[in-house]
PDB file of N, CA and C in Angstrom:
ATOM      1  N   MET A   1      91.237 105.903 130.840  1.00  0.00           N
ATOM      2  CA  MET A   1      89.968 106.277 129.634  1.00  0.00           C
ATOM      3  C   MET A   1      90.573 107.512 128.521  1.00  0.00           C
ATOM      4  N   SER A   2      90.156 106.936 127.531  1.00  0.00           N
ATOM      5  CA  SER A   2      90.300 107.969 126.537  1.00  0.00           C
ATOM      6  C   SER A   2      89.127 109.172 126.473  1.00  0.00           C
ATOM      7  N   GLN A   3      89.775 110.431 126.032  1.00  0.00           N
ATOM      8  CA  GLN A   3      89.005 111.609 125.564  1.00  0.00           C
ATOM      9  C   GLN A   3      88.102 111.421 124.583  1.00  0.00           C
ATOM     10  N   ARG A   4      86.884 112.188 124.865  1.00  0.00           N
ATOM     11  CA  ARG A   4      85.726 111.970 123.938  1.00  0.00           C
ATOM     12  C   ARG A   4      86.275 112.930 122.747  1.00  0.00           C
ATOM     13  N   LYS A   5      85.896 112.397 121.436  1.00  0.00           N
ATOM     14  CA  LYS A   5      86.279 113.264 120.332  1.00  0.00           C
ATOM     15  C   LYS A   5      85.374 113.939 119.606  1.00  0.00           C
ATOM     16  N   THR A   6      85.247 115.017 119.520  1.00  0.00           N
ATOM     17  CA  THR A   6      84.132 115.612 118.880  1.00  0.00           C
ATOM     18  C   THR A   6      84.504 116.825 117.687  1.00  0.00           C
ATOM     19  N   ILE A   7      83.783 116.943 116.907  1.00  0.00           N
ATOM     20  CA  ILE A   7      83.723 118.040 115.786  1.00  0.00           C
ATOM     21  C   ILE A   7      82.730 119.055 115.949  1.00  0.00           C
ATOM     22  N   THR A   8      82.985 119.897 116.094  1.00  0.00           N
ATOM     23  CA  THR A   8      82.028 121.224 116.260  1.00  0.00           C
ATOM     24  C   THR A   8      81.897 122.010 114.855  1.00  0.00           C
ATOM     25  N   VAL A   9      80.974 121.978 114.321  1.00  0.00           N
ATOM     26  CA  VAL A   9      80.325 123.014 113.032  1.00  0.00           C
ATOM     27  C   VAL A   9      79.865 123.967 113.333  1.00  0.00           C
ATOM     28  N   VAL A  10      80.172 125.563 113.248  1.00  0.00           N
ATOM     29  CA  VAL A  10      79.686 126.240 113.319  1.00  0.00           C
ATOM     30  C   VAL A  10      79.587 127.330 112.622  1.00  0.00           C
ATOM     31  N   VAL A  11      78.330 127.656 111.872  1.00  0.00           N
ATOM     32  CA  VAL A  11      77.684 128.558 111.089  1.00  0.00           C
ATOM     33  C   VAL A  11      77.264 129.717 111.544  1.00  0.00           C
ATOM     34  N   LYS A  12      78.002 130.945 111.005  1.00  0.00           N
ATOM     35  CA  LYS A  12      77.842 132.239 111.624  1.00  0.00           C
ATOM     36  C   LYS A  12      76.794 133.097 110.802  1.00  0.00           C
ATOM     37  N   PRO A  13      76.516 134.101 111.310  1.00  0.00           N
ATOM     38  CA  PRO A  13      75.546 134.830 110.524  1.00  0.00           C
ATOM     39  C   PRO A  13      75.582 135.251 109.281  1.00  0.00           C
ATOM     40  N   ASP A  14      76.995 135.439 108.978  1.00  0.00           N
ATOM     41  CA  ASP A  14      77.721 136.061 107.752  1.00  0.00           C
ATOM     42  C   ASP A  14      78.021 134.999 106.748  1.00  0.00           C
ATOM     43  N   GLY A  15      77.467 133.729 107.216  1.00  0.00           N
ATOM     44  CA  GLY A  15      77.665 132.584 106.181  1.00  0.00           C
ATOM     45  C   GLY A  15      78.986 131.805 106.542  1.00  0.00           C
ATOM     46  N   THR A  16      80.216 132.375 107.022  1.00  0.00           N
ATOM     47  CA  THR A  16      81.109 131.531 107.018  1.00  0.00           C
ATOM     48  C   THR A  16      81.156 130.539 108.014  1.00  0.00           C
ATOM     49  N   VAL A  17      81.699 129.416 108.040  1.00  0.00           N
ATOM     50  CA  VAL A  17      81.779 128.145 108.709  1.00  0.00           C
ATOM     51  C   VAL A  17      83.178 128.037 109.036  1.00  0.00           C
ATOM     52  N   GLU A  18      82.900 127.673 110.620  1.00  0.00           N
ATOM     53  CA  GLU A  18      84.336 127.169 111.232  1.00  0.00           C
ATOM     54  C   GLU A  18      83.980 125.712 111.786  1.00  0.00           C
ATOM     55  N   LEU A  19      85.140 124.911 111.668  1.00  0.00           N
ATOM     56  CA  LEU A  19      85.032 123.526 112.183  1.00  0.00           C
ATOM     57  C   LEU A  19      86.181 123.614 113.302  1.00  0.00           C
ATOM     58  N   SER A  20      86.032 123.115 114.753  1.00  0.00           N
ATOM     59  CA  SER A  20      87.039 122.479 115.393  1.00  0.00           C
ATOM     60  C   SER A  20      86.679 121.076 115.772  1.00  0.00           C
ATOM     61  N   ALA A  21      88.160 120.335 116.171  1.00  0.00           N
ATOM     62  CA  ALA A  21      88.131 119.140 116.124  1.00  0.00           C
ATOM     63  C   ALA A  21      88.926 119.181 117.887  1.00  0.00           C
ATOM     64  N   ASP A  22      87.999 118.472 118.591  1.00  0.00           N
ATOM     65  CA  ASP A  22      88.652 118.495 119.790  1.00  0.00           C
ATOM     66  C   ASP A  22      88.639 117.044 120.416  1.00  0.00           C
ATOM     67  N   GLY A  23      89.750 116.778 121.210  1.00  0.00           N
ATOM     68  CA  GLY A  23      90.051 115.290 121.686  1.00  0.00           C
ATOM     69  C   GLY A  23      90.955 114.560 120.780  1.00  0.00           C
ATOM     70  N   TYR A  24      91.225 115.034 119.788  1.00  0.00           N
ATOM     71  CA  TYR A  24      92.224 114.615 118.730  1.00  0.00           C
ATOM     72  C   TYR A  24      93.908 114.863 118.982  1.00  0.00           C
ATOM     73  N   LYS A  25      94.757 114.244 118.901  1.00  0.00           N
ATOM     74  CA  LYS A  25      96.038 114.433 119.046  1.00  0.00           C
ATOM     75  C   LYS A  25      96.567 114.336 117.769  1.00  0.00           C
ATOM     76  N   GLY A  26      97.648 114.863 117.443  1.00  0.00           N
ATOM     77  CA  GLY A  26      98.282 115.173 116.043  1.00  0.00           C
ATOM     78  C   GLY A  26      97.397 115.178 115.222  1.00  0.00           C
ATOM     79  N   LYS A  27      97.573 114.774 113.639  1.00  0.00           N
ATOM     80  CA  LYS A  27      96.969 114.870 112.520  1.00  0.00           C
ATOM     81  C   LYS A  27      95.732 113.974 112.273  1.00  0.00           C
ATOM     82  N   SER A  28      95.384 113.413 113.467  1.00  0.00           N
ATOM     83  CA  SER A  28      94.405 112.813 113.442  1.00  0.00           C
ATOM     84  C   SER A  28      93.103 113.704 112.994  1.00  0.00           C
ATOM     85  N   CYS A  29      93.016 114.541 113.369  1.00  0.00           N
ATOM     86  CA  CYS A  29      92.022 115.501 113.245  1.00  0.00           C
ATOM     87  C   CYS A  29      91.687 115.870 112.091  1.00  0.00           C
ATOM     88  N   LEU A  30      92.826 115.935 111.411  1.00  0.00           N
ATOM     89  CA  LEU A  30      92.819 116.396 109.884  1.00  0.00           C
ATOM     90  C   LEU A  30      91.798 115.232 108.990  1.00  0.00           C
ATOM     91  N   GLU A  31      92.290 114.007 109.277  1.00  0.00           N
ATOM     92  CA  GLU A  31      91.650 112.880 108.644  1.00  0.00           C
ATOM     93  C   GLU A  31      90.304 112.669 109.022  1.00  0.00           C
ATOM     94  N   ALA A  32      89.733 113.108 110.508  1.00  0.00           N
ATOM     95  CA  ALA A  32      88.197 113.019 110.908  1.00  0.00           C
ATOM     96  C   ALA A  32      87.629 114.121 110.321  1.00  0.00           C
ATOM     97  N   SER A  33      88.040 115.278 110.035  1.00  0.00           N
ATOM     98  CA  SER A  33      86.960 116.329 109.782  1.00  0.00           C
ATOM     99  C   SER A  33      87.370 116.760 108.065  1.00  0.00           C
ATOM    100  N   LYS A  34      88.103 115.704 107.471  1.00  0.00           N
ATOM    101  CA  LYS A  34      88.314 115.744 106.023  1.00  0.00           C
ATOM    102  C   LYS A  34      86.845 115.531 105.258  1.00  0.00           C
ATOM    103  N   PHE A  35      86.000 114.764 105.647  1.00  0.00           N
ATOM    104  CA  PHE A  35      84.687 114.701 104.750  1.00  0.00           C
ATOM    105  C   PHE A  35      83.788 116.143 105.042  1.00  0.00           C
ATOM    106  N   LEU A  36      83.871 116.787 106.101  1.00  0.00           N
ATOM    107  CA  LEU A  36      83.054 117.559 106.426  1.00  0.00           C
ATOM    108  C   LEU A  36      83.527 119.070 105.661  1.00  0.00           C
ATOM    109  N   GLU A  37      85.082 119.006 105.627  1.00  0.00           N
ATOM    110  CA  GLU A  37      85.762 120.224 104.913  1.00  0.00           C
ATOM    111  C   GLU A  37      85.443 120.255 103.516  1.00  0.00           C
ATOM    112  N   GLU A  38      85.260 119.048 102.636  1.00  0.00           N
ATOM    113  CA  GLU A  38      85.074 118.879 101.415  1.00  0.00           C
ATOM    114  C   GLU A  38      83.545 118.644 101.166  1.00  0.00           C
ATOM    115  N   ALA A  39      82.611 118.599 101.995  1.00  0.00           N
ATOM    116  CA  ALA A  39      81.237 118.658 101.967  1.00  0.00           C
ATOM    117  C   ALA A  39      80.788 120.146 101.668  1.00  0.00           C
ATOM    118  N   LEU A  40      81.516 121.063 102.820  1.00  0.00           N
ATOM    119  CA  LEU A  40      81.306 122.224 103.049  1.00  0.00           C
ATOM    120  C   LEU A  40      81.738 123.066 101.773  1.00  0.00           C
ATOM    121  N   GLY A  41      82.924 122.444 101.308  1.00  0.00           N
ATOM    122  CA  GLY A  41      83.666 123.480 100.278  1.00  0.00           C
ATOM    123  C   GLY A  41      84.616 124.180 101.428  1.00  0.00           C
ATOM    124  N   LEU A  42      84.912 124.001 101.988  1.00  0.00           N
ATOM    125  CA  LEU A  42      86.151 124.884 103.040  1.00  0.00           C
ATOM    126  C   LEU A  42      87.203 125.030 102.481  1.00  0.00           C
ATOM    127  N   GLN A  43      88.054 126.248 102.772  1.00  0.00           N
ATOM    128  CA  GLN A  43      89.284 126.291 102.129  1.00  0.00           C
ATOM    129  C   GLN A  43      90.364 125.533 103.386  1.00  0.00           C
ATOM    130  N   THR A  44      91.046 124.885 103.080  1.00  0.00           N
ATOM    131  CA  THR A  44      91.774 124.205 103.873  1.00  0.00           C
ATOM    132  C   THR A  44      93.357 125.037 104.421  1.00  0.00           C
ATOM    133  N   GLY A  45      93.526 125.774 103.476  1.00  0.00           N
ATOM    134  CA  GLY A  45      94.782 126.592 103.866  1.00  0.00           C
ATOM    135  C   GLY A  45      94.695 127.621 104.869  1.00  0.00           C
ATOM    136  N   ASN A  46      93.689 127.826 105.655  1.00  0.00           N
ATOM    137  CA  ASN A  46      93.299 128.764 106.528  1.00  0.00           C
ATOM    138  C   ASN A  46      93.119 128.258 108.002  1.00  0.00           C
ATOM    139  N   ARG A  47      93.684 127.190 108.459  1.00  0.00           N
ATOM    140  CA  ARG A  47      93.576 126.234 109.616  1.00  0.00           C
ATOM    141  C   ARG A  47      94.261 126.581 110.757  1.00  0.00           C
ATOM    142  N   LYS A  48      93.558 126.879 111.808  1.00  0.00           N
ATOM    143  CA  LYS A  48      94.334 127.216 112.803  1.00  0.00           C
ATOM    144  C   LYS A  48      94.609 125.863 113.631  1.00  0.00           C
ATOM    145  N   LYS A  49      95.988 125.845 113.990  1.00  0.00           N
ATOM    146  CA  LYS A  49      96.316 124.422 114.907  1.00  0.00           C
ATOM    147  C   LYS A  49      96.545 124.807 116.185  1.00  0.00           C
ATOM    148  N   THR A  50      95.410 123.699 116.783  1.00  0.00           N
ATOM    149  CA  THR A  50      95.821 124.005 118.488  1.00  0.00           C
ATOM    150  C   THR A  50      96.958 123.661 118.809  1.00  0.00           C
ATOM    151  N   PRO A  51      97.493 123.390 120.143  1.00  0.00           N
ATOM    152  CA  PRO A  51      98.525 122.626 120.831  1.00  0.00           C
ATOM    153  C   PRO A  51      98.715 121.550 120.489  1.00  0.00           C
ATOM    154  N   ASP A  52      97.295 120.942 120.409  1.00  0.00           N
ATOM    155  CA  ASP A  52      96.685 119.241 120.319  1.00  0.00           C
ATOM    156  C   ASP A  52      97.370 118.599 119.148  1.00  0.00           C
ATOM    157  N   PHE A  53      97.492 119.676 117.996  1.00  0.00           N
ATOM    158  CA  PHE A  53      98.144 119.290 116.974  1.00  0.00           C
ATOM    159  C   PHE A  53      99.217 118.776 116.809  1.00  0.00           C
ATOM    160  N   TYR A  54     100.186 119.565 117.658  1.00  0.00           N
ATOM    161  CA  TYR A  54     101.232 119.160 117.465  1.00  0.00           C
ATOM    162  C   TYR A  54     101.784 118.092 118.645  1.00  0.00           C
ATOM    163  N   ALA A  55     100.883 117.290 119.448  1.00  0.00           N
ATOM    164  CA  ALA A  55     101.197 116.485 120.580  1.00  0.00           C
ATOM    165  C   ALA A  55     101.183 115.198 119.632  1.00  0.00           C
ATOM    166  N   THR A  56     101.646 114.486 120.477  1.00  0.00           N
ATOM    167  CA  THR A  56     101.688 112.915 120.141  1.00  0.00           C
ATOM    168  C   THR A  56     100.905 111.895 120.967  1.00  0.00           C
ATOM    169  N   GLU A  57     100.088 111.174 119.867  1.00  0.00           N
ATOM    170  CA  GLU A  57      99.352 110.168 120.148  1.00  0.00           C
ATOM    171  C   GLU A  57     100.098 109.109 121.124  1.00  0.00           C
ATOM    172  N   THR A  58      99.702 108.691 122.365  1.00  0.00           N
ATOM    173  CA  THR A  58     100.223 107.525 122.979  1.00  0.00           C
ATOM    174  C   THR A  58      99.917 106.320 122.403  1.00  0.00           C
ATOM    175  N   VAL A  59     100.484 105.384 122.044  1.00  0.00           N
ATOM    176  CA  VAL A  59      99.648 103.866 121.907  1.00  0.00           C
ATOM    177  C   VAL A  59     100.317 103.117 122.550  1.00  0.00           C
ATOM    178  N   LYS A  60      99.617 102.155 123.179  1.00  0.00           N
ATOM    179  CA  LYS A  60     100.153 100.957 124.120  1.00  0.00           C
ATOM    180  C   LYS A  60     100.223  99.668 123.068  1.00  0.00           C
ATOM    181  N   GLN A  61     101.721  99.239 122.992  1.00  0.00           N
ATOM    182  CA  GLN A  61     101.587  97.674 122.518  1.00  0.00           C
ATOM    183  C   GLN A  61     102.248  96.851 123.447  1.00  0.00           C
ATOM    184  N   THR A  62     101.456  95.625 123.135  1.00  0.00           N
ATOM    185  CA  THR A  62     101.876  94.724 124.081  1.00  0.00           C
ATOM    186  C   THR A  62     102.311  93.270 122.605  1.00  0.00           C
ATOM    187  N   GLN A  63     103.511  92.618 123.480  1.00  0.00           N
ATOM    188  CA  GLN A  63     103.927  91.535 122.702  1.00  0.00           C
ATOM    189  C   GLN A  63     103.745  90.286 123.645  1.00  0.00           C
ATOM    190  N   LYS A  64     103.084  89.270 122.778  1.00  0.00           N
ATOM    191  CA  LYS A  64     102.699  88.058 123.250  1.00  0.00           C
ATOM    192  C   LYS A  64     104.093  86.998 123.218  1.00  0.00           C
ATOM    193  N   ALA A  65     104.624  86.402 123.967  1.00  0.00           N
ATOM    194  CA  ALA A  65     105.634  85.505 123.721  1.00  0.00           C
ATOM    195  C   ALA A  65     105.241  84.353 123.156  1.00  0.00           C
TER     196      ALA A  65
END
């Protein structure tokens, strides 16, 4: 069963915004959250990468004869 993928947006009282992408492996979180970063005008240089960012996603392939 695949893990649920969620993007959480937190707006703090001082107006700063934090995004977190959970359930994504590797760089797929960057593509998933890109539209929110652009819409909110977030600086992408100060990302905090989790261990999942450095993990690889397993893809099952089958070949029919």
